[in-house]
C-alpha cells in the first residue's frame, strides 16, 4: 500500500519560488501554495507562472502576521485584500480560480490575547474573534478541501482539523528551524529535519511511515532553506509517496 500525501507550501512567493515550481512540475507533484499578499505583489509574474503550471494558489494573509495581534477589522481586511490579489493573478493567468483555500500564518486563528500568548500554548481566550474570521472566509467562498484518507485517530484535537474553513496540516516538516538556536526537537540541523521523515510517531504528528493514513505535509518557500527544499522533495520521492491533488 503506497503512502499518500498532499503537499502544501507556505510563505510564498520568494526569490526562488519559480525554480521550486519548476522542480515540482517536472516531477509531476501537485501542491497547494499558500501565498502572502504583499509577496504576490512583489513576484506577481512568478505566481501567474505557477497558476499556468496547474498549482493551486491559496490565501496566507497580506503581511503574515499573527492574527492574535490584529484587531478583527485588521484581520478581515488582511483576508479580503489578499483575496482580491489572488483573484487578480488568476485573471492575469487567464485561468478560472478553481477553489478558494486559506491558511492562517502560524496556524494562529486569532483567538488569543497576542501572538506571543498563542506561541506559548495558552488556551483560546476569545471565541468572537476566530468566528469573525471564519465568517468572512465563508462569505468570500472559501472551502475546506476534501482531503481524503486522513486517520483522525492520530490527532488529539480531531474536531479542529476539518471543522473550520482554514487549512491545517498533519505533518510539519519544520525546516524553517534550520540554523535556529533552541529549535524544538533539535530541528536546527539539516540532518534532524530530514530525519523527521523517517520517524514513526503517529500520535505526535509524525505518521509519514504509516500507509493507513494520508498526510498533509507542510513545507515553506523560504530563501534560506531553498537547497533543503529540494532535498526534502527528493526524499519524499525516494520514500515512494503518492502526491494527491485536491482539484
C-alpha atoms as a PDB file:
ATOM      1  CA  UNK A   1       0.000   0.000   0.000  1.00  0.00           C
ATOM      2  CA  UNK A   2       1.554   3.279  -1.143  1.00  0.00           C
ATOM      3  CA  UNK A   3       1.741   6.220   1.263  1.00  0.00           C
ATOM      4  CA  UNK A   4      -0.456   9.074   0.021  1.00  0.00           C
ATOM      5  CA  UNK A   5       0.237  12.709   0.842  1.00  0.00           C
ATOM      6  CA  UNK A   6      -0.847  16.228  -0.010  1.00  0.00           C
ATOM      7  CA  UNK A   7       1.941  18.778  -0.357  1.00  0.00           C
ATOM      8  CA  UNK A   8       1.285  22.304   0.921  1.00  0.00           C
ATOM      9  CA  UNK A   9       3.756  25.179   0.762  1.00  0.00           C
ATOM     10  CA  UNK A  10       3.540  28.300   2.937  1.00  0.00           C
ATOM     11  CA  UNK A  11       5.005  31.824   2.824  1.00  0.00           C
ATOM     12  CA  UNK A  12       5.339  32.049  -0.959  1.00  0.00           C
ATOM     13  CA  UNK A  13       6.432  33.629  -3.172  1.00  0.00           C
ATOM     14  CA  UNK A  14      10.083  34.478  -2.570  1.00  0.00           C
ATOM     15  CA  UNK A  15      13.187  34.862  -4.724  1.00  0.00           C
ATOM     16  CA  UNK A  16      13.492  31.192  -5.745  1.00  0.00           C
ATOM     17  CA  UNK A  17       9.765  30.474  -5.994  1.00  0.00           C
ATOM     18  CA  UNK A  18       9.709  29.937  -9.749  1.00  0.00           C
ATOM     19  CA  UNK A  19      12.595  27.459  -9.545  1.00  0.00           C
ATOM     20  CA  UNK A  20      10.708  25.469  -6.905  1.00  0.00           C
ATOM     21  CA  UNK A  21       7.588  25.474  -9.069  1.00  0.00           C
ATOM     22  CA  UNK A  22       9.619  24.065 -11.968  1.00  0.00           C
ATOM     23  CA  UNK A  23      11.189  21.445  -9.685  1.00  0.00           C
ATOM     24  CA  UNK A  24       7.757  20.195  -8.632  1.00  0.00           C
ATOM     25  CA  UNK A  25       6.211  20.462 -12.087  1.00  0.00           C
ATOM     26  CA  UNK A  26       8.950  18.359 -13.703  1.00  0.00           C
ATOM     27  CA  UNK A  27       8.312  15.662 -11.106  1.00  0.00           C
ATOM     28  CA  UNK A  28       4.524  15.872 -11.554  1.00  0.00           C
ATOM     29  CA  UNK A  29       3.969  16.833  -7.917  1.00  0.00           C
ATOM     30  CA  UNK A  30       0.838  18.930  -7.280  1.00  0.00           C
ATOM     31  CA  UNK A  31       0.781  21.378  -4.382  1.00  0.00           C
ATOM     32  CA  UNK A  32      -1.357  23.966  -2.661  1.00  0.00           C
ATOM     33  CA  UNK A  33       0.803  27.065  -2.400  1.00  0.00           C
ATOM     34  CA  UNK A  34      -0.314  29.486   0.307  1.00  0.00           C
ATOM     35  CA  UNK A  35       0.850  32.936  -0.730  1.00  0.00           C
ATOM     36  CA  UNK A  36       1.293  36.148   1.248  1.00  0.00           C
ATOM     37  CA  UNK A  37      -0.465  39.061  -0.436  1.00  0.00           C
ATOM     38  CA  UNK A  38       2.386  41.559  -0.114  1.00  0.00           C
ATOM     39  CA  UNK A  39       4.807  39.000  -1.567  1.00  0.00           C
ATOM     40  CA  UNK A  40       2.496  38.270  -4.513  1.00  0.00           C
ATOM     41  CA  UNK A  41       2.637  41.982  -5.347  1.00  0.00           C
ATOM     42  CA  UNK A  42       6.431  41.707  -5.486  1.00  0.00           C
ATOM     43  CA  UNK A  43       6.587  38.482  -7.537  1.00  0.00           C
ATOM     44  CA  UNK A  44       3.259  38.552  -9.364  1.00  0.00           C
ATOM     45  CA  UNK A  45       4.591  37.206 -12.671  1.00  0.00           C
ATOM     46  CA  UNK A  46       6.028  34.177 -10.875  1.00  0.00           C
ATOM     47  CA  UNK A  47       2.677  33.402  -9.263  1.00  0.00           C
ATOM     48  CA  UNK A  48       0.969  33.735 -12.644  1.00  0.00           C
ATOM     49  CA  UNK A  49       3.543  31.244 -13.927  1.00  0.00           C
ATOM     50  CA  UNK A  50       2.692  28.802 -11.116  1.00  0.00           C
ATOM     51  CA  UNK A  51      -1.016  29.049 -11.897  1.00  0.00           C
ATOM     52  CA  UNK A  52      -0.370  28.279 -15.554  1.00  0.00           C
ATOM     53  CA  UNK A  53       1.569  25.206 -14.433  1.00  0.00           C
ATOM     54  CA  UNK A  54      -1.527  23.974 -12.606  1.00  0.00           C
ATOM     55  CA  UNK A  55      -0.699  24.795  -8.986  1.00  0.00           C
ATOM     56  CA  UNK A  56      -3.439  25.948  -6.619  1.00  0.00           C
ATOM     57  CA  UNK A  57      -2.762  29.330  -5.021  1.00  0.00           C
ATOM     58  CA  UNK A  58      -4.110  29.838  -1.526  1.00  0.00           C
ATOM     59  CA  UNK A  59      -4.560  32.909   0.679  1.00  0.00           C
ATOM     60  CA  UNK A  60      -1.999  33.194   3.512  1.00  0.00           C
ATOM     61  CA  UNK A  61      -2.934  36.736   4.672  1.00  0.00           C
ATOM     62  CA  UNK A  62      -1.475  40.008   3.443  1.00  0.00           C
ATOM     63  CA  UNK A  63       1.525  40.509   5.734  1.00  0.00           C
ATOM     64  CA  UNK A  64       1.955  37.146   7.529  1.00  0.00           C
ATOM     65  CA  UNK A  65       1.171  38.434  10.992  1.00  0.00           C
ATOM     66  CA  UNK A  66      -0.219  36.601  13.981  1.00  0.00           C
ATOM     67  CA  UNK A  67      -3.977  37.092  13.768  1.00  0.00           C
ATOM     68  CA  UNK A  68      -3.981  37.266  17.566  1.00  0.00           C
ATOM     69  CA  UNK A  69      -2.024  40.519  17.193  1.00  0.00           C
ATOM     70  CA  UNK A  70      -4.622  42.024  14.841  1.00  0.00           C
ATOM     71  CA  UNK A  71      -7.962  43.611  15.527  1.00  0.00           C
ATOM     72  CA  UNK A  72     -10.947  41.903  13.944  1.00  0.00           C
ATOM     73  CA  UNK A  73     -11.074  44.694  11.373  1.00  0.00           C
ATOM     74  CA  UNK A  74      -7.369  44.323  10.529  1.00  0.00           C
ATOM     75  CA  UNK A  75      -7.635  40.548  10.203  1.00  0.00           C
ATOM     76  CA  UNK A  76     -10.702  40.742   7.993  1.00  0.00           C
ATOM     77  CA  UNK A  77      -9.010  43.331   5.766  1.00  0.00           C
ATOM     78  CA  UNK A  78      -5.908  41.127   5.504  1.00  0.00           C
ATOM     79  CA  UNK A  79      -8.058  38.244   4.260  1.00  0.00           C
ATOM     80  CA  UNK A  80     -10.094  40.411   1.879  1.00  0.00           C
ATOM     81  CA  UNK A  81      -7.105  42.254   0.421  1.00  0.00           C
ATOM     82  CA  UNK A  82      -5.218  39.043  -0.317  1.00  0.00           C
ATOM     83  CA  UNK A  83      -8.367  37.505  -1.769  1.00  0.00           C
ATOM     84  CA  UNK A  84      -8.522  40.355  -4.279  1.00  0.00           C
ATOM     85  CA  UNK A  85      -4.834  39.974  -5.094  1.00  0.00           C
ATOM     86  CA  UNK A  86      -5.198  36.233  -5.719  1.00  0.00           C
ATOM     87  CA  UNK A  87      -8.211  36.952  -7.931  1.00  0.00           C
ATOM     88  CA  UNK A  88      -6.022  39.362  -9.881  1.00  0.00           C
ATOM     89  CA  UNK A  89      -3.224  36.851 -10.521  1.00  0.00           C
ATOM     90  CA  UNK A  90      -5.740  34.280 -11.729  1.00  0.00           C
ATOM     91  CA  UNK A  91      -7.145  36.891 -14.136  1.00  0.00           C
ATOM     92  CA  UNK A  92      -3.634  37.676 -15.356  1.00  0.00           C
ATOM     93  CA  UNK A  93      -3.026  33.962 -15.872  1.00  0.00           C
ATOM     94  CA  UNK A  94      -6.258  33.620 -17.833  1.00  0.00           C
ATOM     95  CA  UNK A  95      -7.321  30.771 -15.559  1.00  0.00           C
ATOM     96  CA  UNK A  96     -10.557  30.478 -13.612  1.00  0.00           C
ATOM     97  CA  UNK A  97      -9.819  30.275  -9.906  1.00  0.00           C
ATOM     98  CA  UNK A  98     -10.777  26.653  -9.137  1.00  0.00           C
ATOM     99  CA  UNK A  99     -11.021  26.782  -5.359  1.00  0.00           C
ATOM    100  CA  UNK A 100     -10.544  29.302  -2.538  1.00  0.00           C
ATOM    101  CA  UNK A 101      -8.383  27.996   0.303  1.00  0.00           C
ATOM    102  CA  UNK A 102      -6.917  29.819   3.283  1.00  0.00           C
ATOM    103  CA  UNK A 103      -4.299  29.078   5.925  1.00  0.00           C
ATOM    104  CA  UNK A 104      -3.627  31.283   8.933  1.00  0.00           C
ATOM    105  CA  UNK A 105       0.019  32.320   9.419  1.00  0.00           C
ATOM    106  CA  UNK A 106       1.460  30.185  12.231  1.00  0.00           C
ATOM    107  CA  UNK A 107      -1.979  28.453  12.342  1.00  0.00           C
ATOM    108  CA  UNK A 108      -2.967  31.302  14.677  1.00  0.00           C
ATOM    109  CA  UNK A 109      -6.745  31.619  14.272  1.00  0.00           C
ATOM    110  CA  UNK A 110      -6.810  34.882  16.237  1.00  0.00           C
ATOM    111  CA  UNK A 111      -8.354  33.587  19.450  1.00  0.00           C
ATOM    112  CA  UNK A 112      -5.594  34.642  21.830  1.00  0.00           C
ATOM    113  CA  UNK A 113      -4.621  37.857  23.547  1.00  0.00           C
ATOM    114  CA  UNK A 114      -1.458  38.160  21.457  1.00  0.00           C
ATOM    115  CA  UNK A 115       0.785  36.244  19.117  1.00  0.00           C
ATOM    116  CA  UNK A 116       3.198  35.654  21.969  1.00  0.00           C
ATOM    117  CA  UNK A 117       0.340  34.251  24.025  1.00  0.00           C
ATOM    118  CA  UNK A 118      -0.567  31.947  21.140  1.00  0.00           C
ATOM    119  CA  UNK A 119       3.007  30.717  20.726  1.00  0.00           C
ATOM    120  CA  UNK A 120       3.215  29.942  24.448  1.00  0.00           C
ATOM    121  CA  UNK A 121       0.387  27.451  24.046  1.00  0.00           C
ATOM    122  CA  UNK A 122      -2.173  29.340  26.101  1.00  0.00           C
ATOM    123  CA  UNK A 123      -5.808  28.379  25.756  1.00  0.00           C
ATOM    124  CA  UNK A 124      -8.074  30.342  23.424  1.00  0.00           C
ATOM    125  CA  UNK A 125      -9.357  33.474  25.102  1.00  0.00           C
ATOM    126  CA  UNK A 126     -11.975  34.918  22.763  1.00  0.00           C
ATOM    127  CA  UNK A 127     -14.297  32.928  20.512  1.00  0.00           C
ATOM    128  CA  UNK A 128     -15.718  36.046  18.886  1.00  0.00           C
ATOM    129  CA  UNK A 129     -12.508  36.838  17.015  1.00  0.00           C
ATOM    130  CA  UNK A 130     -11.934  33.491  15.236  1.00  0.00           C
ATOM    131  CA  UNK A 131     -15.661  33.268  14.497  1.00  0.00           C
ATOM    132  CA  UNK A 132     -15.461  36.656  12.765  1.00  0.00           C
ATOM    133  CA  UNK A 133     -12.572  35.455  10.603  1.00  0.00           C
ATOM    134  CA  UNK A 134     -14.366  32.205   9.764  1.00  0.00           C
ATOM    135  CA  UNK A 135     -17.450  34.224   8.822  1.00  0.00           C
ATOM    136  CA  UNK A 136     -15.556  36.329   6.286  1.00  0.00           C
ATOM    137  CA  UNK A 137     -13.948  33.201   4.819  1.00  0.00           C
ATOM    138  CA  UNK A 138     -17.412  31.716   4.352  1.00  0.00           C
ATOM    139  CA  UNK A 139     -18.724  34.958   2.855  1.00  0.00           C
ATOM    140  CA  UNK A 140     -15.893  35.028   0.318  1.00  0.00           C
ATOM    141  CA  UNK A 141     -16.462  31.415  -0.722  1.00  0.00           C
ATOM    142  CA  UNK A 142     -13.515  29.704   0.963  1.00  0.00           C
ATOM    143  CA  UNK A 143     -13.803  25.956   1.477  1.00  0.00           C
ATOM    144  CA  UNK A 144     -12.123  23.141   3.343  1.00  0.00           C
ATOM    145  CA  UNK A 145     -10.713  20.874   0.609  1.00  0.00           C
ATOM    146  CA  UNK A 146     -11.941  17.288   0.541  1.00  0.00           C
ATOM    147  CA  UNK A 147      -8.743  15.742   1.890  1.00  0.00           C
ATOM    148  CA  UNK A 148      -9.235  12.009   1.835  1.00  0.00           C
ATOM    149  CA  UNK A 149      -7.861   9.149   3.878  1.00  0.00           C
ATOM    150  CA  UNK A 150      -6.704  11.055   6.961  1.00  0.00           C
ATOM    151  CA  UNK A 151      -6.966   8.947  10.117  1.00  0.00           C
ATOM    152  CA  UNK A 152      -8.257  11.358  12.754  1.00  0.00           C
ATOM    153  CA  UNK A 153      -7.443   8.870  15.494  1.00  0.00           C
ATOM    154  CA  UNK A 154      -3.872  10.158  15.394  1.00  0.00           C
ATOM    155  CA  UNK A 155      -4.848  13.716  16.324  1.00  0.00           C
ATOM    156  CA  UNK A 156      -5.814  14.859  19.827  1.00  0.00           C
ATOM    157  CA  UNK A 157      -7.811  17.837  18.538  1.00  0.00           C
ATOM    158  CA  UNK A 158      -9.844  15.949  15.953  1.00  0.00           C
ATOM    159  CA  UNK A 159     -12.661  18.474  15.729  1.00  0.00           C
ATOM    160  CA  UNK A 160     -10.497  21.412  14.678  1.00  0.00           C
ATOM    161  CA  UNK A 161      -8.793  19.559  11.818  1.00  0.00           C
ATOM    162  CA  UNK A 162     -11.668  19.922   9.351  1.00  0.00           C
ATOM    163  CA  UNK A 163     -14.449  21.657  11.280  1.00  0.00           C
ATOM    164  CA  UNK A 164     -13.382  25.121  10.158  1.00  0.00           C
ATOM    165  CA  UNK A 165     -12.605  26.632   6.761  1.00  0.00           C
ATOM    166  CA  UNK A 166      -8.879  27.231   7.257  1.00  0.00           C
ATOM    167  CA  UNK A 167      -6.476  24.514   6.150  1.00  0.00           C
ATOM    168  CA  UNK A 168      -4.331  22.756   8.746  1.00  0.00           C
ATOM    169  CA  UNK A 169      -1.518  20.234   8.287  1.00  0.00           C
ATOM    170  CA  UNK A 170      -0.853  16.813   9.740  1.00  0.00           C
ATOM    171  CA  UNK A 171       2.937  16.828   9.293  1.00  0.00           C
ATOM    172  CA  UNK A 172       5.074  19.928   9.837  1.00  0.00           C
ATOM    173  CA  UNK A 173       8.488  19.440   8.241  1.00  0.00           C
ATOM    174  CA  UNK A 174       9.879  22.239  10.482  1.00  0.00           C
ATOM    175  CA  UNK A 175      12.603  23.132   8.018  1.00  0.00           C
ATOM    176  CA  UNK A 176      12.132  26.792   8.982  1.00  0.00           C
ATOM    177  CA  UNK A 177      14.128  25.952  12.126  1.00  0.00           C
ATOM    178  CA  UNK A 178      17.302  25.409  10.120  1.00  0.00           C
ATOM    179  CA  UNK A 179      20.154  27.177  11.928  1.00  0.00           C
ATOM    180  CA  UNK A 180      17.969  28.468  14.781  1.00  0.00           C
ATOM    181  CA  UNK A 181      19.232  28.181  18.321  1.00  0.00           C
ATOM    182  CA  UNK A 182      16.991  26.282  20.742  1.00  0.00           C
ATOM    183  CA  UNK A 183      14.809  24.903  17.946  1.00  0.00           C
ATOM    184  CA  UNK A 184      12.241  22.403  19.262  1.00  0.00           C
ATOM    185  CA  UNK A 185      13.092  18.717  18.930  1.00  0.00           C
ATOM    186  CA  UNK A 186      16.591  19.673  17.804  1.00  0.00           C
ATOM    187  CA  UNK A 187      15.330  20.606  14.348  1.00  0.00           C
ATOM    188  CA  UNK A 188      18.013  23.228  13.704  1.00  0.00           C
ATOM    189  CA  UNK A 189      20.159  20.950  11.536  1.00  0.00           C
ATOM    190  CA  UNK A 190      19.583  19.558   8.072  1.00  0.00           C
ATOM    191  CA  UNK A 191      20.151  16.038   9.365  1.00  0.00           C
ATOM    192  CA  UNK A 192      17.452  16.390  12.042  1.00  0.00           C
ATOM    193  CA  UNK A 193      14.956  17.964   9.653  1.00  0.00           C
ATOM    194  CA  UNK A 194      15.420  15.242   7.049  1.00  0.00           C
ATOM    195  CA  UNK A 195      15.322  12.655   9.819  1.00  0.00           C
ATOM    196  CA  UNK A 196      11.767  13.620  10.743  1.00  0.00           C
ATOM    197  CA  UNK A 197      10.623  11.987   7.515  1.00  0.00           C
ATOM    198  CA  UNK A 198      11.704   8.568   8.792  1.00  0.00           C
ATOM    199  CA  UNK A 199      10.267   8.887  12.294  1.00  0.00           C
ATOM    200  CA  UNK A 200       7.244   6.777  13.172  1.00  0.00           C
ATOM    201  CA  UNK A 201       5.372   8.575  15.961  1.00  0.00           C
ATOM    202  CA  UNK A 202       1.874   8.970  14.506  1.00  0.00           C
ATOM    203  CA  UNK A 203       0.228  10.258  17.678  1.00  0.00           C
ATOM    204  CA  UNK A 204       2.760  13.106  17.816  1.00  0.00           C
ATOM    205  CA  UNK A 205       2.383  14.393  14.269  1.00  0.00           C
ATOM    206  CA  UNK A 206       4.882  12.124  12.543  1.00  0.00           C
ATOM    207  CA  UNK A 207       2.962   9.498  10.604  1.00  0.00           C
ATOM    208  CA  UNK A 208       4.714   9.622   7.237  1.00  0.00           C
ATOM    209  CA  UNK A 209       5.643   5.962   7.638  1.00  0.00           C
ATOM    210  CA  UNK A 210       2.036   4.882   8.225  1.00  0.00           C
ATOM    211  CA  UNK A 211       0.271   3.949   4.971  1.00  0.00           C
ATOM    212  CA  UNK A 212      -3.009   3.649   6.888  1.00  0.00           C
ATOM    213  CA  UNK A 213      -3.362   7.441   6.897  1.00  0.00           C
ATOM    214  CA  UNK A 214      -2.918  10.242   4.396  1.00  0.00           C
ATOM    215  CA  UNK A 215      -0.814  13.232   5.450  1.00  0.00           C
ATOM    216  CA  UNK A 216      -0.972  16.945   4.664  1.00  0.00           C
ATOM    217  CA  UNK A 217       2.697  17.937   4.544  1.00  0.00           C
ATOM    218  CA  UNK A 218       3.764  21.493   5.338  1.00  0.00           C
ATOM    219  CA  UNK A 219       6.970  22.967   3.887  1.00  0.00           C
ATOM    220  CA  UNK A 220       7.888  26.596   3.238  1.00  0.00           C
ATOM    221  CA  UNK A 221       9.139  28.787   0.425  1.00  0.00           C
ATOM    222  CA  UNK A 222      11.954  30.417   2.402  1.00  0.00           C
ATOM    223  CA  UNK A 223      15.093  31.643   0.655  1.00  0.00           C
ATOM    224  CA  UNK A 224      17.500  30.297   3.289  1.00  0.00           C
ATOM    225  CA  UNK A 225      16.091  26.753   3.031  1.00  0.00           C
ATOM    226  CA  UNK A 226      15.950  26.521  -0.758  1.00  0.00           C
ATOM    227  CA  UNK A 227      18.529  23.761  -1.144  1.00  0.00           C
ATOM    228  CA  UNK A 228      16.945  21.855   1.719  1.00  0.00           C
ATOM    229  CA  UNK A 229      13.556  22.182  -0.022  1.00  0.00           C
ATOM    230  CA  UNK A 230      14.889  20.197  -2.993  1.00  0.00           C
ATOM    231  CA  UNK A 231      16.399  17.568  -0.694  1.00  0.00           C
ATOM    232  CA  UNK A 232      13.064  17.180   1.089  1.00  0.00           C
ATOM    233  CA  UNK A 233      11.186  16.707  -2.160  1.00  0.00           C
ATOM    234  CA  UNK A 234      13.767  14.166  -3.331  1.00  0.00           C
ATOM    235  CA  UNK A 235      13.427  12.301  -0.030  1.00  0.00           C
ATOM    236  CA  UNK A 236       9.626  12.152  -0.381  1.00  0.00           C
ATOM    237  CA  UNK A 237      10.083  10.718  -3.862  1.00  0.00           C
ATOM    238  CA  UNK A 238      12.626   8.168  -2.592  1.00  0.00           C
ATOM    239  CA  UNK A 239      10.092   7.071   0.030  1.00  0.00           C
ATOM    240  CA  UNK A 240       7.647   6.371  -2.780  1.00  0.00           C
ATOM    241  CA  UNK A 241       4.989   8.838  -1.685  1.00  0.00           C
ATOM    242  CA  UNK A 242       1.994   9.300  -3.961  1.00  0.00           C
ATOM    243  CA  UNK A 243       1.167  13.014  -4.191  1.00  0.00           C
ATOM    244  CA  UNK A 244      -2.546  13.791  -4.313  1.00  0.00           C
ATOM    245  CA  UNK A 245      -4.363  16.835  -5.652  1.00  0.00           C
ATOM    246  CA  UNK A 246      -7.426  18.477  -4.120  1.00  0.00           C
ATOM    247  CA  UNK A 247      -8.598  19.610  -7.558  1.00  0.00           C
END
